Each structure stands twice: as C-alpha cells, then as structure tokens.
Amino acid sequence: MDRTGHPDRRALLAGGIVVATVALAGCSSTSAAPSATSASPKARPTTPAAAFARLMDGNKRWVSGDLRHPDRDPDRRQLVAQAQEPFGAILSCIDSRVPPELLFDTGLGDLYVMRTGGEAVGPVVTGSVEYGPMTSGTPLIVVLGHQRCGAVGAAYKSIRDGKPLPGNLEAIAKALRPAYEQAVREGGADPVETMARAQVTLTAADLRSNQDLAPLVAKGALAVVGAYYSLDTGKVDVLAGAPS
C-alpha cells in the first residue's frame, strides 16, 4: 500500500489484467467447444425397410421417453436449407395430440407431413402424398390414424343420423363414408374405433394401388403402411403394409 492506506495503483492494474485474461480465456474455450446438441446426421434411409425401421425406432424412444431430438439444431437447418430428401411421408390427422415429428422422434427435413381431419383424402391431398416418392425417391408412406379421433367420431354420427355437418366439415364426412360403411359391416363394440382403423387401411390400400404409386410399390422402391397411434401409450401399431 501507499502511505495514505490506498492499494498501490500498479497492483490494481496487474490484478485487472489477470482477471480480464482469465475471462477471455474462459470465453474462448466456451466458443470453441462443440455444441452438446449437435450430432452428425445419420445417413438417409434409402429402402422402405430401413425407413420404416428408423421411424419405429423413433416411436420406441417416444414411448419410453428416451428421446434424441435428432436433426433439430442450426447445423441441420443450414444443411437442408437448399435441398431436402425426407425419408418418409406421413398422412395423419390434424389432431393436436398426434404430431408425427414428435411421436417418431424425427427432425427438420426428415419427413413430408400431410394432416387432414380423419386422414380424409382428395386430389390435392393425394398429390401431396405422391410428391416425395415421385420427385425425390422417398421410400415410405405411412397413413396414421389414431385413438379417439374426433373427426371420425363426428363423421360417424353425421352419416348414421343423416345430419350433415356444418360448412366444409361435410366434405370430411363424405370422404370418410367408405370407412363408415366398412365399420357397419364389421360391427363391434366400438364402431367409431372400427371406422378409424378402416379409414387407415382403406386409404393405405388406395394409395398403394393408385396408378402413380403402384409401379414404385411393385418394384420394391416404396412401401405404403397403415398404422394406428394410441393416445394412451404413445405407441404406433402397424395395421397393414409393413415392409420386410
């Protein structure tokens, strides 16, 4: 100290330099460290069986809670900014509890996703489903229904009671009529669940056999799978078309 009892100025300056040096070193080491959430992207599955396995592995993680959240960081965003090659196309319901990217634990650029009430289809929806397989070689389509589907329930009651739904909701009921008719033929304790499953299998069969997708299916380049999601467990069960 100097004679007045104050710290020596040179000591203060030296101490400040040491602190600043340590702080800068800390910042430097932090910025140089790799992101804990970044991961090298896995190779895109190129066969129906490999794409299906990737999806179902993701669903197993969703059920168990052991999620990886792949393909969801800025590096992935940059990677797919100029071009995309999704390995699957999912046609699912609009239900807020059934987001395909979450329940299959996938990320940005992994899936084409089309969502309509009760998986109702028409020319625009069918064209959207066809887009991936026909333009970028997407090897897998999944039609995904789910437990307690409100759209299917509303359509079932509307058709059964002969009371059209309001507005454009009636278009959904009309699109689901074949599934309703199949459910009536099959019977069962829960006709709405039967109808929901019928909608999946009928829609998958129609896609599998349409004039544009059928040749891809025939040569083994594409699989069209019908599947059903449990709201209670988070598990996806296959109804038809799983690739071997």
Protein backbone atom coordinates (compact mmCIF):
# COMPACT_ATOMS: atom_id res chain seq x y z
CA MET A 1 0.00 0.00 0.00
CA ASP A 2 0.99 3.65 -0.37
CA ARG A 3 1.40 5.98 2.59
CA THR A 4 -2.28 7.06 2.56
CA GLY A 5 -3.53 3.46 3.04
CA HIS A 6 -4.88 3.04 -0.51
CA PRO A 7 -3.87 -0.01 -2.63
CA ASP A 8 -0.96 0.52 -4.96
CA ARG A 9 -2.25 1.51 -8.42
CA ARG A 10 0.18 -0.81 -10.12
CA ALA A 11 -1.15 -3.74 -8.09
CA LEU A 12 -4.71 -2.88 -9.09
CA LEU A 13 -3.77 -2.70 -12.76
CA ALA A 14 -1.96 -6.01 -12.59
CA GLY A 15 -4.92 -7.64 -10.89
CA GLY A 16 -7.28 -6.28 -13.52
CA ILE A 17 -5.14 -7.67 -16.31
CA VAL A 18 -5.15 -11.12 -14.69
CA VAL A 19 -8.95 -11.12 -14.29
CA ALA A 20 -9.50 -9.96 -17.86
CA THR A 21 -7.12 -12.61 -19.16
CA VAL A 22 -8.94 -15.37 -17.27
CA ALA A 23 -12.34 -14.12 -18.50
CA LEU A 24 -11.18 -14.01 -22.11
CA ALA A 25 -9.71 -17.48 -21.83
CA GLY A 26 -13.00 -18.75 -20.49
CA CYS A 27 -14.96 -17.17 -23.34
CA SER A 28 -12.53 -18.55 -25.86
CA SER A 29 -12.79 -22.12 -24.56
CA THR A 30 -16.58 -21.94 -24.47
CA SER A 31 -16.91 -20.76 -28.05
CA ALA A 32 -14.51 -23.39 -29.30
CA ALA A 33 -16.34 -26.29 -27.65
CA PRO A 34 -18.72 -28.21 -29.90
CA SER A 35 -22.44 -27.89 -29.27
CA ALA A 36 -23.75 -30.59 -26.97
CA THR A 37 -26.92 -30.84 -29.03
CA SER A 38 -25.21 -31.14 -32.40
CA ALA A 39 -24.75 -34.55 -33.94
CA SER A 40 -23.59 -35.83 -37.26
CA PRO A 41 -26.68 -36.53 -39.38
CA LYS A 42 -27.44 -40.19 -39.89
CA ALA A 43 -27.47 -41.40 -43.46
CA ARG A 44 -30.86 -41.10 -45.09
CA PRO A 45 -32.59 -44.49 -45.34
CA THR A 46 -32.96 -45.41 -48.99
CA THR A 47 -35.12 -48.54 -48.76
CA PRO A 48 -38.65 -48.97 -47.41
CA ALA A 49 -37.46 -51.38 -44.72
CA ALA A 50 -34.71 -49.06 -43.50
CA ALA A 51 -37.02 -46.03 -43.47
CA PHE A 52 -39.67 -47.98 -41.60
CA ALA A 53 -37.12 -49.19 -39.05
CA ARG A 54 -35.91 -45.60 -38.50
CA LEU A 55 -39.47 -44.45 -37.84
CA MET A 56 -40.35 -47.27 -35.49
CA ASP A 57 -37.11 -46.87 -33.54
CA GLY A 58 -38.09 -43.25 -33.04
CA ASN A 59 -41.52 -44.25 -31.80
CA LYS A 60 -39.95 -46.64 -29.30
CA ARG A 61 -37.96 -43.72 -27.91
CA TRP A 62 -41.14 -41.64 -27.74
CA VAL A 63 -42.91 -44.35 -25.76
CA SER A 64 -40.02 -44.83 -23.34
CA GLY A 65 -39.16 -41.15 -23.02
CA ASP A 66 -35.57 -41.77 -24.15
CA LEU A 67 -35.72 -39.07 -26.83
CA ARG A 68 -32.79 -37.99 -29.00
CA HIS A 69 -34.40 -34.99 -30.75
CA PRO A 70 -32.30 -35.56 -33.89
CA ASP A 71 -31.90 -33.10 -36.74
CA ARG A 72 -33.12 -30.09 -34.78
CA ASP A 73 -30.17 -27.71 -34.49
CA PRO A 74 -28.85 -24.79 -36.57
CA ASP A 75 -26.39 -27.07 -38.37
CA ARG A 76 -29.28 -29.21 -39.61
CA ARG A 77 -31.17 -26.07 -40.65
CA GLN A 78 -28.24 -24.99 -42.77
CA LEU A 79 -27.78 -28.47 -44.22
CA VAL A 80 -31.33 -28.68 -45.57
CA ALA A 81 -31.77 -25.01 -46.46
CA GLN A 82 -31.08 -25.52 -50.17
CA ALA A 83 -32.43 -29.04 -50.72
CA GLN A 84 -34.37 -31.76 -48.92
CA GLU A 85 -34.56 -35.54 -49.09
CA PRO A 86 -37.10 -36.73 -46.50
CA PHE A 87 -37.08 -40.47 -45.94
CA GLY A 88 -40.79 -40.72 -45.14
CA ALA A 89 -44.17 -39.18 -45.97
CA ILE A 90 -46.83 -39.22 -43.26
CA LEU A 91 -50.54 -38.69 -43.82
CA SER A 92 -52.08 -38.16 -40.40
CA CYS A 93 -54.97 -36.43 -38.67
CA ILE A 94 -54.98 -32.76 -37.68
CA ASP A 95 -55.40 -33.76 -34.02
CA SER A 96 -53.09 -31.67 -31.82
CA ARG A 97 -52.05 -34.77 -29.87
CA VAL A 98 -50.64 -36.58 -32.91
CA PRO A 99 -47.67 -34.59 -34.31
CA PRO A 100 -45.68 -37.07 -36.45
CA GLU A 101 -42.30 -35.39 -35.97
CA LEU A 102 -42.61 -35.79 -32.20
CA LEU A 103 -44.09 -39.25 -31.90
CA PHE A 104 -41.47 -40.63 -34.31
CA ASP A 105 -38.68 -38.53 -32.69
CA THR A 106 -37.55 -37.06 -36.01
CA GLY A 107 -36.43 -33.59 -37.01
CA LEU A 108 -36.07 -30.96 -39.70
CA GLY A 109 -36.01 -32.34 -43.22
CA ASP A 110 -36.79 -35.95 -42.19
CA LEU A 111 -40.47 -36.19 -43.12
CA TYR A 112 -43.07 -34.85 -45.51
CA VAL A 113 -46.19 -34.40 -43.38
CA MET A 114 -49.77 -34.03 -44.60
CA ARG A 115 -52.52 -33.61 -41.99
CA THR A 116 -56.26 -33.66 -42.63
CA GLY A 117 -59.29 -34.38 -40.48
CA GLY A 118 -59.53 -38.15 -40.12
CA GLU A 119 -56.89 -38.58 -42.86
CA ALA A 120 -59.54 -37.56 -45.39
CA VAL A 121 -58.16 -37.56 -48.91
CA GLY A 122 -58.90 -35.86 -52.20
CA PRO A 123 -56.88 -34.98 -55.31
CA VAL A 124 -54.77 -32.27 -53.64
CA VAL A 125 -54.00 -34.44 -50.61
CA THR A 126 -53.19 -37.46 -52.76
CA GLY A 127 -50.91 -35.32 -54.91
CA SER A 128 -49.15 -34.06 -51.79
CA VAL A 129 -48.59 -37.62 -50.58
CA GLU A 130 -47.25 -38.61 -54.00
CA TYR A 131 -44.82 -35.70 -54.13
CA GLY A 132 -41.96 -37.25 -52.15
CA PRO A 133 -41.95 -40.71 -53.75
CA MET A 134 -42.37 -39.32 -57.25
CA THR A 135 -39.89 -36.43 -57.07
CA SER A 136 -37.19 -37.34 -54.55
CA GLY A 137 -37.39 -41.08 -54.11
CA THR A 138 -38.96 -41.07 -50.64
CA PRO A 139 -39.24 -44.81 -49.93
CA LEU A 140 -42.01 -44.84 -47.31
CA ILE A 141 -45.56 -43.57 -46.90
CA VAL A 142 -47.41 -44.02 -43.60
CA VAL A 143 -51.13 -43.41 -43.20
CA LEU A 144 -51.51 -42.79 -39.49
CA GLY A 145 -54.85 -42.97 -37.73
CA HIS A 146 -55.31 -42.61 -34.00
CA GLN A 147 -57.36 -43.48 -30.96
CA ARG A 148 -60.43 -41.35 -30.13
CA CYS A 149 -60.38 -39.44 -33.42
CA GLY A 150 -62.83 -36.55 -33.18
CA ALA A 151 -63.17 -36.18 -36.95
CA VAL A 152 -64.05 -39.84 -37.37
CA GLY A 153 -66.48 -39.68 -34.46
CA ALA A 154 -68.26 -36.65 -35.90
CA ALA A 155 -68.44 -38.21 -39.36
CA TYR A 156 -69.79 -41.47 -37.94
CA LYS A 157 -72.62 -39.73 -36.10
CA SER A 158 -73.39 -37.48 -39.06
CA ILE A 159 -73.71 -40.37 -41.51
CA ARG A 160 -75.55 -42.62 -39.07
CA ASP A 161 -78.11 -39.95 -38.16
CA GLY A 162 -78.41 -38.44 -41.64
CA LYS A 163 -77.50 -34.98 -40.35
CA PRO A 164 -74.90 -33.20 -42.48
CA LEU A 165 -72.05 -31.46 -40.70
CA PRO A 166 -71.85 -27.66 -40.99
CA GLY A 167 -69.82 -25.90 -43.65
CA ASN A 168 -66.93 -27.69 -45.26
CA LEU A 169 -66.84 -30.23 -42.44
CA GLU A 170 -69.36 -32.16 -44.51
CA ALA A 171 -66.61 -32.79 -47.07
CA ILE A 172 -64.75 -34.75 -44.39
CA ALA A 173 -67.81 -36.87 -43.65
CA LYS A 174 -68.24 -37.65 -47.35
CA ALA A 175 -64.59 -38.65 -47.69
CA LEU A 176 -64.95 -41.00 -44.71
CA ARG A 177 -68.15 -42.70 -45.87
CA PRO A 178 -66.37 -45.82 -47.23
CA ALA A 179 -64.79 -46.33 -43.81
CA TYR A 180 -68.20 -45.87 -42.17
CA GLU A 181 -69.74 -48.48 -44.44
CA GLN A 182 -66.96 -50.94 -43.67
CA ALA A 183 -67.36 -50.33 -39.94
CA VAL A 184 -71.09 -51.02 -40.19
CA ARG A 185 -70.38 -54.30 -41.96
CA GLU A 186 -67.78 -55.34 -39.39
CA GLY A 187 -69.78 -54.32 -36.33
CA GLY A 188 -68.05 -54.47 -32.96
CA ALA A 189 -68.33 -52.89 -29.55
CA ASP A 190 -66.83 -49.54 -30.60
CA PRO A 191 -67.89 -48.65 -34.15
CA VAL A 192 -66.02 -45.34 -34.13
CA GLU A 193 -62.69 -47.07 -33.42
CA THR A 194 -63.54 -49.66 -36.05
CA MET A 195 -64.24 -46.87 -38.51
CA ALA A 196 -60.98 -45.08 -37.65
CA ARG A 197 -58.97 -48.21 -38.34
CA ALA A 198 -60.94 -48.89 -41.52
CA GLN A 199 -60.12 -45.38 -42.75
CA VAL A 200 -56.42 -46.11 -42.33
CA THR A 201 -56.45 -49.46 -44.13
CA LEU A 202 -58.69 -48.25 -46.96
CA THR A 203 -56.63 -45.11 -47.55
CA ALA A 204 -53.34 -47.02 -47.47
CA ALA A 205 -54.71 -49.60 -49.92
CA ASP A 206 -55.91 -46.87 -52.28
CA LEU A 207 -52.50 -45.17 -52.25
CA ARG A 208 -50.68 -48.46 -52.66
CA SER A 209 -52.65 -49.31 -55.78
CA ASN A 210 -53.03 -45.94 -57.47
CA GLN A 211 -51.63 -45.60 -60.98
CA ASP A 212 -48.66 -43.43 -60.00
CA LEU A 213 -47.51 -45.18 -56.83
CA ALA A 214 -48.30 -48.80 -57.73
CA PRO A 215 -45.26 -49.16 -60.05
CA LEU A 216 -42.94 -47.98 -57.26
CA VAL A 217 -44.54 -50.43 -54.84
CA ALA A 218 -44.29 -53.25 -57.39
CA LYS A 219 -40.54 -52.84 -57.83
CA GLY A 220 -39.89 -52.54 -54.10
CA ALA A 221 -38.89 -48.88 -54.11
CA LEU A 222 -41.86 -47.80 -51.97
CA ALA A 223 -43.94 -49.19 -49.10
CA VAL A 224 -47.30 -47.78 -48.01
CA VAL A 225 -48.00 -48.63 -44.38
CA GLY A 226 -51.25 -48.26 -42.47
CA ALA A 227 -50.65 -47.56 -38.78
CA TYR A 228 -52.56 -46.60 -35.65
CA TYR A 229 -51.45 -44.39 -32.76
CA SER A 230 -52.51 -44.89 -29.15
CA LEU A 231 -53.09 -41.65 -27.29
CA ASP A 232 -52.85 -43.58 -24.03
CA THR A 233 -49.46 -45.23 -24.55
CA GLY A 234 -47.83 -43.26 -27.40
CA LYS A 235 -47.26 -46.48 -29.30
CA VAL A 236 -47.73 -46.86 -33.06
CA ASP A 237 -49.08 -50.23 -34.19
CA VAL A 238 -48.95 -51.39 -37.77
CA LEU A 239 -52.27 -52.33 -39.36
CA ALA A 240 -51.06 -53.25 -42.85
CA GLY A 241 -48.18 -53.00 -45.31
CA ALA A 242 -45.07 -53.17 -43.13
CA PRO A 243 -42.03 -53.75 -45.37
CA SER A 244 -39.95 -56.85 -44.72
